[in-house]
Amino acid sequence: MGDEGQFCPNCGSPVHRAAHVPTPEADVPVPQPPRAGGTGAAAPEQPAQRGFGRRHPILTGCLGIIVLLIVLSIIGAALGGGGGETAGGGGSGDSAKKDEPLTADGQKEAKEPEKKEEQPKPEPETQPEQEDSKPNFSDGTYQVGTDIQPGTYRTREGSSGCYYERLSGFSGEFDDILANGNTVAPAIIAIKPTDAGFLSQDCGTWTKDLSAITESKTTFGEGAYIVGTDIEPGTYRNSGSSSCYYERLSEFTGDLNAIIANGNAEEPTVVTIGPADAGFQSNDCGTWTKLEF
């Protein structure tokens, strides 16, 4: 029998079944059949409400999980932020500390204080060694570098019969003589580091005191003088002598190449001493006087 031919077994009224169509959002309500003994007019059907009155159980479960995840995320962020402040210090005095080693009873192991690097102590200043083992010496034969040191020496006053030699060796042969000199007046000699020795006879005391020995820098007698210290550069005239000899010097080694110019004169002569000259030396020339121009 079809659906249209079915009747209620109790009251004999025809029975109508409404089609049931499932939807994902809501079920369509089935209208109630007319009751027996009624007026025959059925109650007006309420229109089916379509919308969101009822939520699908799957959607409801997903929404609940999402909400739970959001809540857990908020809680985790709150806990993580607090821990970050503690680790970072947040500007407070309780800054994060590295894990410190613990002893067997759980106590923090005491750390030894760090030792500061010791600064090296400044070495005491040493006094410079004396330049000469003998800054002054008298007549004799000396080994350069052992007995006396190289340098420029002078006799501050004349001595009769003074003779001296710079030596390359001690054989006594003529070839050992590097330079030599005879004088009765003050003398100056420059001993080189390469010299082997120095010999002095009847010269008195040799000293490294090279201060001036003249009272006037424009008038002087025979001997060796330092230009700029003992005498001034300029043009000089001597008083005359029959055996006068003079030298303008670039140094006081006694070598021939140290002579800038020289001369012999039996009568008064004129010589110009240059400002670049190291010294001037004369024997038996009388008194030299600077000329005024």
C-alpha atoms as a PDB file:
ATOM      1  CA  MET A   1       0.000   0.000   0.000  1.00  0.00           C
ATOM      2  CA  GLY A   2       1.278   3.421  -0.857  1.00  0.00           C
ATOM      3  CA  ASP A   3       1.860   6.205   1.577  1.00  0.00           C
ATOM      4  CA  GLU A   4      -1.382   7.916   0.588  1.00  0.00           C
ATOM      5  CA  GLY A   5      -3.519   4.929   1.619  1.00  0.00           C
ATOM      6  CA  GLN A   6      -2.413   4.632   5.182  1.00  0.00           C
ATOM      7  CA  PHE A   7      -4.880   5.372   8.016  1.00  0.00           C
ATOM      8  CA  CYS A   8      -4.585   5.562  11.724  1.00  0.00           C
ATOM      9  CA  PRO A   9      -5.563   2.165  13.192  1.00  0.00           C
ATOM     10  CA  ASN A  10      -7.223   3.804  16.209  1.00  0.00           C
ATOM     11  CA  CYS A  11      -9.216   6.663  14.745  1.00  0.00           C
ATOM     12  CA  GLY A  12      -9.302   5.825  11.079  1.00  0.00           C
ATOM     13  CA  SER A  13      -7.949   9.159  10.037  1.00  0.00           C
ATOM     14  CA  PRO A  14      -5.569   9.198   7.140  1.00  0.00           C
ATOM     15  CA  VAL A  15      -1.946   9.529   8.077  1.00  0.00           C
ATOM     16  CA  HIS A  16       0.409  11.806   6.120  1.00  0.00           C
ATOM     17  CA  ARG A  17       4.137  11.613   6.519  1.00  0.00           C
ATOM     18  CA  ALA A  18       6.294  14.559   5.864  1.00  0.00           C
ATOM     19  CA  ALA A  19       9.489  14.109   3.958  1.00  0.00           C
ATOM     20  CA  HIS A  20      12.590  14.402   6.131  1.00  0.00           C
ATOM     21  CA  VAL A  21      15.429  16.272   4.402  1.00  0.00           C
ATOM     22  CA  PRO A  22      18.595  16.564   6.476  1.00  0.00           C
ATOM     23  CA  THR A  23      20.563  19.795   6.167  1.00  0.00           C
ATOM     24  CA  PRO A  24      23.881  20.731   7.708  1.00  0.00           C
ATOM     25  CA  GLU A  25      22.385  23.670   9.482  1.00  0.00           C
ATOM     26  CA  ALA A  26      18.958  22.544  10.839  1.00  0.00           C
ATOM     27  CA  ASP A  27      16.184  19.930  10.417  1.00  0.00           C
ATOM     28  CA  VAL A  28      12.892  20.957   8.789  1.00  0.00           C
ATOM     29  CA  PRO A  29      10.051  20.349  11.355  1.00  0.00           C
ATOM     30  CA  VAL A  30       7.299  17.939  10.347  1.00  0.00           C
ATOM     31  CA  PRO A  31       3.786  19.459  10.565  1.00  0.00           C
ATOM     32  CA  GLN A  32       1.402  17.755  13.012  1.00  0.00           C
ATOM     33  CA  PRO A  33      -1.523  15.834  11.472  1.00  0.00           C
ATOM     34  CA  PRO A  34      -5.041  17.139  12.133  1.00  0.00           C
ATOM     35  CA  ARG A  35      -6.553  15.775  15.283  1.00  0.00           C
ATOM     36  CA  ALA A  36      -9.738  13.696  15.154  1.00  0.00           C
ATOM     37  CA  GLY A  37     -13.048  15.284  16.167  1.00  0.00           C
ATOM     38  CA  GLY A  38     -11.758  18.650  15.352  1.00  0.00           C
ATOM     39  CA  THR A  39     -13.279  21.207  13.119  1.00  0.00           C
ATOM     40  CA  GLY A  40     -11.401  19.772  10.254  1.00  0.00           C
ATOM     41  CA  ALA A  41      -9.264  22.891   9.943  1.00  0.00           C
ATOM     42  CA  ALA A  42      -5.677  22.346  10.747  1.00  0.00           C
ATOM     43  CA  ALA A  43      -3.716  24.860  12.822  1.00  0.00           C
ATOM     44  CA  PRO A  44      -1.637  27.115  10.715  1.00  0.00           C
ATOM     45  CA  GLU A  45       1.813  25.771  10.290  1.00  0.00           C
ATOM     46  CA  GLN A  46       4.677  27.748  11.701  1.00  0.00           C
ATOM     47  CA  PRO A  47       7.203  28.541   9.033  1.00  0.00           C
ATOM     48  CA  ALA A  48      10.394  26.656   9.430  1.00  0.00           C
ATOM     49  CA  GLN A  49      13.137  28.849  10.793  1.00  0.00           C
ATOM     50  CA  ARG A  50      16.314  28.553   8.871  1.00  0.00           C
ATOM     51  CA  GLY A  51      19.401  30.037  10.366  1.00  0.00           C
ATOM     52  CA  PHE A  52      21.696  29.411  13.229  1.00  0.00           C
ATOM     53  CA  GLY A  53      19.354  28.387  15.943  1.00  0.00           C
ATOM     54  CA  ARG A  54      21.079  25.060  16.220  1.00  0.00           C
ATOM     55  CA  ARG A  55      24.794  24.433  15.508  1.00  0.00           C
ATOM     56  CA  HIS A  56      26.190  21.323  14.017  1.00  0.00           C
ATOM     57  CA  PRO A  57      27.946  19.220  16.664  1.00  0.00           C
ATOM     58  CA  ILE A  58      31.141  19.032  14.563  1.00  0.00           C
ATOM     59  CA  LEU A  59      31.309  22.793  14.247  1.00  0.00           C
ATOM     60  CA  THR A  60      30.648  23.196  17.955  1.00  0.00           C
ATOM     61  CA  GLY A  61      33.498  20.820  18.797  1.00  0.00           C
ATOM     62  CA  CYS A  62      35.938  22.613  16.461  1.00  0.00           C
ATOM     63  CA  LEU A  63      35.032  25.979  17.948  1.00  0.00           C
ATOM     64  CA  GLY A  64      35.647  24.607  21.423  1.00  0.00           C
ATOM     65  CA  ILE A  65      39.081  23.307  20.451  1.00  0.00           C
ATOM     66  CA  ILE A  66      39.975  26.644  18.871  1.00  0.00           C
ATOM     67  CA  VAL A  67      38.886  28.541  21.974  1.00  0.00           C
ATOM     68  CA  LEU A  68      40.893  26.143  24.155  1.00  0.00           C
ATOM     69  CA  LEU A  69      43.967  26.641  22.015  1.00  0.00           C
ATOM     70  CA  ILE A  70      43.588  30.408  22.212  1.00  0.00           C
ATOM     71  CA  VAL A  71      43.291  30.266  25.995  1.00  0.00           C
ATOM     72  CA  LEU A  72      46.340  28.015  26.256  1.00  0.00           C
ATOM     73  CA  SER A  73      48.292  30.338  23.970  1.00  0.00           C
ATOM     74  CA  ILE A  74      47.424  33.338  26.146  1.00  0.00           C
ATOM     75  CA  ILE A  75      48.452  31.484  29.300  1.00  0.00           C
ATOM     76  CA  GLY A  76      51.692  30.312  27.689  1.00  0.00           C
ATOM     77  CA  ALA A  77      52.490  33.834  26.490  1.00  0.00           C
ATOM     78  CA  ALA A  78      51.875  35.215  29.962  1.00  0.00           C
ATOM     79  CA  LEU A  79      54.142  32.609  31.539  1.00  0.00           C
ATOM     80  CA  GLY A  80      56.796  33.073  28.868  1.00  0.00           C
ATOM     81  CA  GLY A  81      56.783  36.873  29.290  1.00  0.00           C
ATOM     82  CA  GLY A  82      57.304  36.590  33.018  1.00  0.00           C
ATOM     83  CA  GLY A  83      60.196  34.203  32.515  1.00  0.00           C
ATOM     84  CA  GLY A  84      61.743  36.556  29.948  1.00  0.00           C
ATOM     85  CA  GLU A  85      61.698  39.420  32.375  1.00  0.00           C
ATOM     86  CA  THR A  86      63.399  37.276  34.936  1.00  0.00           C
ATOM     87  CA  ALA A  87      66.047  36.082  32.511  1.00  0.00           C
ATOM     88  CA  GLY A  88      66.629  39.473  30.972  1.00  0.00           C
ATOM     89  CA  GLY A  89      66.726  41.281  34.247  1.00  0.00           C
ATOM     90  CA  GLY A  90      64.230  43.935  33.069  1.00  0.00           C
ATOM     91  CA  GLY A  91      66.508  46.601  34.520  1.00  0.00           C
ATOM     92  CA  SER A  92      66.045  45.291  38.060  1.00  0.00           C
ATOM     93  CA  GLY A  93      68.801  44.335  40.423  1.00  0.00           C
ATOM     94  CA  ASP A  94      67.949  40.594  40.183  1.00  0.00           C
ATOM     95  CA  SER A  95      69.720  39.920  36.904  1.00  0.00           C
ATOM     96  CA  ALA A  96      69.919  36.416  35.560  1.00  0.00           C
ATOM     97  CA  LYS A  97      72.881  34.458  36.745  1.00  0.00           C
ATOM     98  CA  LYS A  98      74.573  31.561  35.101  1.00  0.00           C
ATOM     99  CA  ASP A  99      74.118  28.161  36.669  1.00  0.00           C
ATOM    100  CA  GLU A 100      76.618  27.887  39.434  1.00  0.00           C
ATOM    101  CA  PRO A 101      78.172  24.531  40.314  1.00  0.00           C
ATOM    102  CA  LEU A 102      76.781  22.862  43.420  1.00  0.00           C
ATOM    103  CA  THR A 103      78.563  20.746  46.004  1.00  0.00           C
ATOM    104  CA  ALA A 104      77.440  17.270  47.094  1.00  0.00           C
ATOM    105  CA  ASP A 105      75.100  18.694  49.777  1.00  0.00           C
ATOM    106  CA  GLY A 106      73.385  21.016  47.298  1.00  0.00           C
ATOM    107  CA  GLN A 107      75.171  24.163  48.422  1.00  0.00           C
ATOM    108  CA  LYS A 108      76.637  26.565  45.914  1.00  0.00           C
ATOM    109  CA  GLU A 109      80.291  26.003  45.417  1.00  0.00           C
ATOM    110  CA  ALA A 110      82.344  28.952  46.566  1.00  0.00           C
ATOM    111  CA  LYS A 111      84.340  30.578  43.801  1.00  0.00           C
ATOM    112  CA  GLU A 112      87.872  31.671  44.294  1.00  0.00           C
ATOM    113  CA  PRO A 113      88.361  35.389  43.735  1.00  0.00           C
ATOM    114  CA  GLU A 114      89.816  36.154  40.377  1.00  0.00           C
ATOM    115  CA  LYS A 115      93.477  37.025  40.549  1.00  0.00           C
ATOM    116  CA  LYS A 116      94.388  40.328  39.031  1.00  0.00           C
ATOM    117  CA  GLU A 117      97.189  40.250  36.559  1.00  0.00           C
ATOM    118  CA  GLU A 118     100.265  41.644  38.164  1.00  0.00           C
ATOM    119  CA  GLN A 119     101.645  44.602  36.334  1.00  0.00           C
ATOM    120  CA  PRO A 120     105.337  44.275  35.581  1.00  0.00           C
ATOM    121  CA  LYS A 121     107.376  46.394  37.901  1.00  0.00           C
ATOM    122  CA  PRO A 122     109.262  49.135  36.131  1.00  0.00           C
ATOM    123  CA  GLU A 123     112.907  48.391  35.989  1.00  0.00           C
ATOM    124  CA  PRO A 124     115.035  50.830  37.936  1.00  0.00           C
ATOM    125  CA  GLU A 125     116.712  53.350  35.762  1.00  0.00           C
ATOM    126  CA  THR A 126     120.312  52.542  35.304  1.00  0.00           C
ATOM    127  CA  GLN A 127     122.806  55.290  35.412  1.00  0.00           C
ATOM    128  CA  PRO A 128     124.618  55.713  32.116  1.00  0.00           C
ATOM    129  CA  GLU A 129     128.036  54.265  32.189  1.00  0.00           C
ATOM    130  CA  GLN A 130     130.851  56.689  32.402  1.00  0.00           C
ATOM    131  CA  GLU A 131     131.795  57.650  28.868  1.00  0.00           C
ATOM    132  CA  ASP A 132     135.506  57.378  29.585  1.00  0.00           C
ATOM    133  CA  SER A 133     137.455  55.091  31.800  1.00  0.00           C
ATOM    134  CA  LYS A 134     139.991  57.961  31.903  1.00  0.00           C
ATOM    135  CA  PRO A 135     138.538  61.383  30.993  1.00  0.00           C
ATOM    136  CA  ASN A 136     141.932  62.862  31.918  1.00  0.00           C
ATOM    137  CA  PHE A 137     145.302  61.270  31.347  1.00  0.00           C
ATOM    138  CA  SER A 138     148.934  62.349  31.244  1.00  0.00           C
ATOM    139  CA  ASP A 139     152.057  61.181  29.432  1.00  0.00           C
ATOM    140  CA  GLY A 140     152.364  57.550  28.420  1.00  0.00           C
ATOM    141  CA  THR A 141     151.159  55.027  25.870  1.00  0.00           C
ATOM    142  CA  TYR A 142     147.506  54.003  26.070  1.00  0.00           C
ATOM    143  CA  GLN A 143     145.275  51.435  24.407  1.00  0.00           C
ATOM    144  CA  VAL A 144     142.172  53.071  22.911  1.00  0.00           C
ATOM    145  CA  GLY A 145     138.924  51.505  24.160  1.00  0.00           C
ATOM    146  CA  THR A 146     140.629  49.926  27.192  1.00  0.00           C
ATOM    147  CA  ASP A 147     142.800  52.548  28.844  1.00  0.00           C
ATOM    148  CA  ILE A 148     141.244  55.617  27.254  1.00  0.00           C
ATOM    149  CA  GLN A 149     138.100  56.209  25.217  1.00  0.00           C
ATOM    150  CA  PRO A 150     137.957  57.775  21.751  1.00  0.00           C
ATOM    151  CA  GLY A 151     137.001  61.447  21.613  1.00  0.00           C
ATOM    152  CA  THR A 152     138.438  64.970  21.421  1.00  0.00           C
ATOM    153  CA  TYR A 153     140.999  65.942  24.064  1.00  0.00           C
ATOM    154  CA  ARG A 154     143.019  69.092  24.719  1.00  0.00           C
ATOM    155  CA  THR A 155     145.841  70.338  26.909  1.00  0.00           C
ATOM    156  CA  ARG A 156     144.613  73.515  28.550  1.00  0.00           C
ATOM    157  CA  GLU A 157     148.095  75.010  28.825  1.00  0.00           C
ATOM    158  CA  GLY A 158     151.347  74.672  26.929  1.00  0.00           C
ATOM    159  CA  SER A 159     154.234  72.427  27.804  1.00  0.00           C
ATOM    160  CA  SER A 160     157.802  72.625  26.511  1.00  0.00           C
ATOM    161  CA  GLY A 161     158.754  69.738  24.188  1.00  0.00           C
ATOM    162  CA  CYS A 162     155.254  68.204  23.861  1.00  0.00           C
ATOM    163  CA  TYR A 163     155.088  65.344  21.351  1.00  0.00           C
ATOM    164  CA  TYR A 164     152.096  63.042  20.648  1.00  0.00           C
ATOM    165  CA  GLU A 165     151.041  60.260  18.234  1.00  0.00           C
ATOM    166  CA  ARG A 166     147.849  58.515  17.149  1.00  0.00           C
ATOM    167  CA  LEU A 167     148.749  54.861  16.580  1.00  0.00           C
ATOM    168  CA  SER A 168     147.383  52.003  14.438  1.00  0.00           C
ATOM    169  CA  GLY A 169     149.579  49.473  16.285  1.00  0.00           C
ATOM    170  CA  PHE A 170     152.282  49.107  18.905  1.00  0.00           C
ATOM    171  CA  SER A 171     155.168  47.767  16.842  1.00  0.00           C
ATOM    172  CA  GLY A 172     157.081  51.055  17.170  1.00  0.00           C
ATOM    173  CA  GLU A 173     157.490  51.215  13.400  1.00  0.00           C
ATOM    174  CA  PHE A 174     156.949  54.396  11.463  1.00  0.00           C
ATOM    175  CA  ASP A 175     153.941  52.872   9.634  1.00  0.00           C
ATOM    176  CA  ASP A 176     152.044  52.641  12.955  1.00  0.00           C
ATOM    177  CA  ILE A 177     151.887  56.441  13.217  1.00  0.00           C
ATOM    178  CA  LEU A 178     148.508  57.749  11.948  1.00  0.00           C
ATOM    179  CA  ALA A 179     149.206  61.391  12.919  1.00  0.00           C
ATOM    180  CA  ASN A 180     151.572  63.252  15.207  1.00  0.00           C
ATOM    181  CA  GLY A 181     152.484  66.719  16.413  1.00  0.00           C
ATOM    182  CA  ASN A 182     155.037  68.876  18.230  1.00  0.00           C
ATOM    183  CA  THR A 183     154.126  72.003  20.190  1.00  0.00           C
ATOM    184  CA  VAL A 184     154.957  74.114  23.206  1.00  0.00           C
ATOM    185  CA  ALA A 185     151.452  75.626  23.236  1.00  0.00           C
ATOM    186  CA  PRO A 186     148.028  74.224  24.108  1.00  0.00           C
ATOM    187  CA  ALA A 187     147.140  71.327  21.755  1.00  0.00           C
ATOM    188  CA  ILE A 188     143.952  69.570  20.623  1.00  0.00           C
ATOM    189  CA  ILE A 189     143.711  65.997  19.285  1.00  0.00           C
ATOM    190  CA  ALA A 190     140.716  63.893  18.150  1.00  0.00           C
ATOM    191  CA  ILE A 191     141.275  60.165  18.856  1.00  0.00           C
ATOM    192  CA  LYS A 192     139.159  57.907  16.609  1.00  0.00           C
ATOM    193  CA  PRO A 193     137.441  54.668  17.697  1.00  0.00           C
ATOM    194  CA  THR A 194     139.500  52.814  15.083  1.00  0.00           C
ATOM    195  CA  ASP A 195     142.786  53.947  16.609  1.00  0.00           C
ATOM    196  CA  ALA A 196     144.740  51.247  18.403  1.00  0.00           C
ATOM    197  CA  GLY A 197     146.544  53.570  20.777  1.00  0.00           C
ATOM    198  CA  PHE A 198     147.818  57.019  21.723  1.00  0.00           C
ATOM    199  CA  LEU A 199     151.269  58.142  22.846  1.00  0.00           C
ATOM    200  CA  SER A 200     152.076  61.360  24.711  1.00  0.00           C
ATOM    201  CA  GLN A 201     155.465  62.742  25.840  1.00  0.00           C
ATOM    202  CA  ASP A 202     156.004  65.955  27.840  1.00  0.00           C
ATOM    203  CA  CYS A 203     152.488  67.239  27.074  1.00  0.00           C
ATOM    204  CA  GLY A 204     151.118  67.466  30.572  1.00  0.00           C
ATOM    205  CA  THR A 205     147.454  66.510  31.104  1.00  0.00           C
ATOM    206  CA  TRP A 206     144.991  65.700  28.331  1.00  0.00           C
ATOM    207  CA  THR A 207     141.346  66.355  29.195  1.00  0.00           C
ATOM    208  CA  LYS A 208     137.900  66.279  27.598  1.00  0.00           C
ATOM    209  CA  ASP A 209     137.157  69.696  29.092  1.00  0.00           C
ATOM    210  CA  LEU A 210     136.764  71.690  25.861  1.00  0.00           C
ATOM    211  CA  SER A 211     135.649  74.952  27.395  1.00  0.00           C
ATOM    212  CA  ALA A 212     137.344  78.181  26.333  1.00  0.00           C
ATOM    213  CA  ILE A 213     140.959  78.765  27.323  1.00  0.00           C
ATOM    214  CA  THR A 214     141.182  82.338  25.969  1.00  0.00           C
ATOM    215  CA  GLU A 215     140.263  85.536  27.771  1.00  0.00           C
ATOM    216  CA  SER A 216     139.420  87.329  24.529  1.00  0.00           C
ATOM    217  CA  LYS A 217     137.889  85.737  21.414  1.00  0.00           C
ATOM    218  CA  THR A 218     139.416  88.347  19.101  1.00  0.00           C
ATOM    219  CA  THR A 219     143.033  88.203  20.300  1.00  0.00           C
ATOM    220  CA  PHE A 220     145.106  85.053  20.858  1.00  0.00           C
ATOM    221  CA  GLY A 221     148.635  83.651  20.628  1.00  0.00           C
ATOM    222  CA  GLU A 222     150.099  80.406  19.339  1.00  0.00           C
ATOM    223  CA  GLY A 223     148.445  77.033  19.920  1.00  0.00           C
ATOM    224  CA  ALA A 224     145.288  75.184  18.795  1.00  0.00           C
ATOM    225  CA  TYR A 225     141.895  76.870  19.269  1.00  0.00           C
ATOM    226  CA  ILE A 226     138.245  75.940  18.743  1.00  0.00           C
ATOM    227  CA  VAL A 227     136.382  78.356  16.467  1.00  0.00           C
ATOM    228  CA  GLY A 228     133.251  79.656  18.178  1.00  0.00           C
ATOM    229  CA  THR A 229     134.504  78.606  21.630  1.00  0.00           C
ATOM    230  CA  ASP A 230     137.982  80.060  21.983  1.00  0.00           C
ATOM    231  CA  ILE A 231     138.001  82.502  19.057  1.00  0.00           C
ATOM    232  CA  GLU A 232     135.532  84.167  16.724  1.00  0.00           C
ATOM    233  CA  PRO A 233     135.533  83.617  12.960  1.00  0.00           C
ATOM    234  CA  GLY A 234     136.773  86.608  10.981  1.00  0.00           C
ATOM    235  CA  THR A 235     139.893  88.154   9.448  1.00  0.00           C
ATOM    236  CA  TYR A 236     143.007  88.303  11.617  1.00  0.00           C
ATOM    237  CA  ARG A 237     146.521  89.781  11.326  1.00  0.00           C
ATOM    238  CA  ASN A 238     149.514  88.442  13.251  1.00  0.00           C
ATOM    239  CA  SER A 239     152.327  90.474  14.835  1.00  0.00           C
ATOM    240  CA  GLY A 240     154.950  88.721  12.692  1.00  0.00           C
ATOM    241  CA  SER A 241     157.721  86.161  13.215  1.00  0.00           C
ATOM    242  CA  SER A 242     160.514  84.676  11.136  1.00  0.00           C
ATOM    243  CA  SER A 243     159.210  81.076  11.340  1.00  0.00           C
ATOM    244  CA  CYS A 244     155.393  81.466  11.486  1.00  0.00           C
ATOM    245  CA  TYR A 245     153.227  78.497  10.462  1.00  0.00           C
ATOM    246  CA  TYR A 246     149.392  78.375  10.643  1.00  0.00           C
ATOM    247  CA  GLU A 247     146.526  76.046   9.670  1.00  0.00           C
ATOM    248  CA  ARG A 248     142.763  76.374   9.200  1.00  0.00           C
ATOM    249  CA  LEU A 249     141.273  73.044  10.291  1.00  0.00           C
ATOM    250  CA  SER A 250     138.096  71.080   9.503  1.00  0.00           C
ATOM    251  CA  GLU A 251     138.804  68.697  12.407  1.00  0.00           C
ATOM    252  CA  PHE A 252     141.467  67.958  15.009  1.00  0.00           C
ATOM    253  CA  THR A 253     142.636  64.477  13.930  1.00  0.00           C
ATOM    254  CA  GLY A 254     146.055  65.737  12.807  1.00  0.00           C
ATOM    255  CA  ASP A 255     145.527  64.157   9.363  1.00  0.00           C
ATOM    256  CA  LEU A 256     146.657  66.041   6.269  1.00  0.00           C
ATOM    257  CA  ASN A 257     143.089  65.989   4.871  1.00  0.00           C
ATOM    258  CA  ALA A 258     141.927  67.913   7.967  1.00  0.00           C
ATOM    259  CA  ILE A 259     143.862  70.998   6.766  1.00  0.00           C
ATOM    260  CA  ILE A 260     141.599  73.487   4.941  1.00  0.00           C
ATOM    261  CA  ALA A 261     144.443  75.934   4.273  1.00  0.00           C
ATOM    262  CA  ASN A 262     147.891  76.634   5.706  1.00  0.00           C
ATOM    263  CA  GLY A 263     150.810  79.004   5.282  1.00  0.00           C
ATOM    264  CA  ASN A 264     154.323  80.046   6.277  1.00  0.00           C
ATOM    265  CA  ALA A 265     155.243  83.684   6.837  1.00  0.00           C
ATOM    266  CA  GLU A 266     158.319  85.651   7.948  1.00  0.00           C
ATOM    267  CA  GLU A 267     156.462  88.937   8.276  1.00  0.00           C
ATOM    268  CA  PRO A 268     152.998  89.974   9.411  1.00  0.00           C
ATOM    269  CA  THR A 269     150.270  88.201   7.401  1.00  0.00           C
ATOM    270  CA  VAL A 270     146.493  88.226   7.190  1.00  0.00           C
ATOM    271  CA  VAL A 271     144.220  85.134   7.270  1.00  0.00           C
ATOM    272  CA  THR A 272     140.426  84.790   7.276  1.00  0.00           C
ATOM    273  CA  ILE A 273     138.974  82.121   9.583  1.00  0.00           C
ATOM    274  CA  GLY A 274     135.585  80.897   8.305  1.00  0.00           C
ATOM    275  CA  PRO A 275     132.542  80.293  10.522  1.00  0.00           C
ATOM    276  CA  ALA A 276     132.436  76.663   9.316  1.00  0.00           C
ATOM    277  CA  ASP A 277     136.049  76.041  10.373  1.00  0.00           C
ATOM    278  CA  ALA A 278     136.453  73.665  13.285  1.00  0.00           C
ATOM    279  CA  GLY A 279     139.657  75.234  14.514  1.00  0.00           C
ATOM    280  CA  PHE A 280     142.783  77.275  13.921  1.00  0.00           C
ATOM    281  CA  GLN A 281     146.329  76.419  14.892  1.00  0.00           C
ATOM    282  CA  SER A 282     149.576  78.397  14.678  1.00  0.00           C
ATOM    283  CA  ASN A 283     153.209  78.128  15.844  1.00  0.00           C
ATOM    284  CA  ASP A 284     155.716  80.992  16.219  1.00  0.00           C
ATOM    285  CA  CYS A 285     153.349  83.544  14.674  1.00  0.00           C
ATOM    286  CA  GLY A 286     153.130  85.968  17.556  1.00  0.00           C
ATOM    287  CA  THR A 287     149.738  87.454  18.449  1.00  0.00           C
ATOM    288  CA  TRP A 288     146.703  87.318  16.183  1.00  0.00           C
ATOM    289  CA  THR A 289     144.242  90.219  16.296  1.00  0.00           C
ATOM    290  CA  LYS A 290     140.882  90.452  14.553  1.00  0.00           C
ATOM    291  CA  LEU A 291     140.636  93.296  12.049  1.00  0.00           C
ATOM    292  CA  GLU A 292     137.731  95.712  12.073  1.00  0.00           C
ATOM    293  CA  PHE A 293     136.099  96.555   8.717  1.00  0.00           C
END
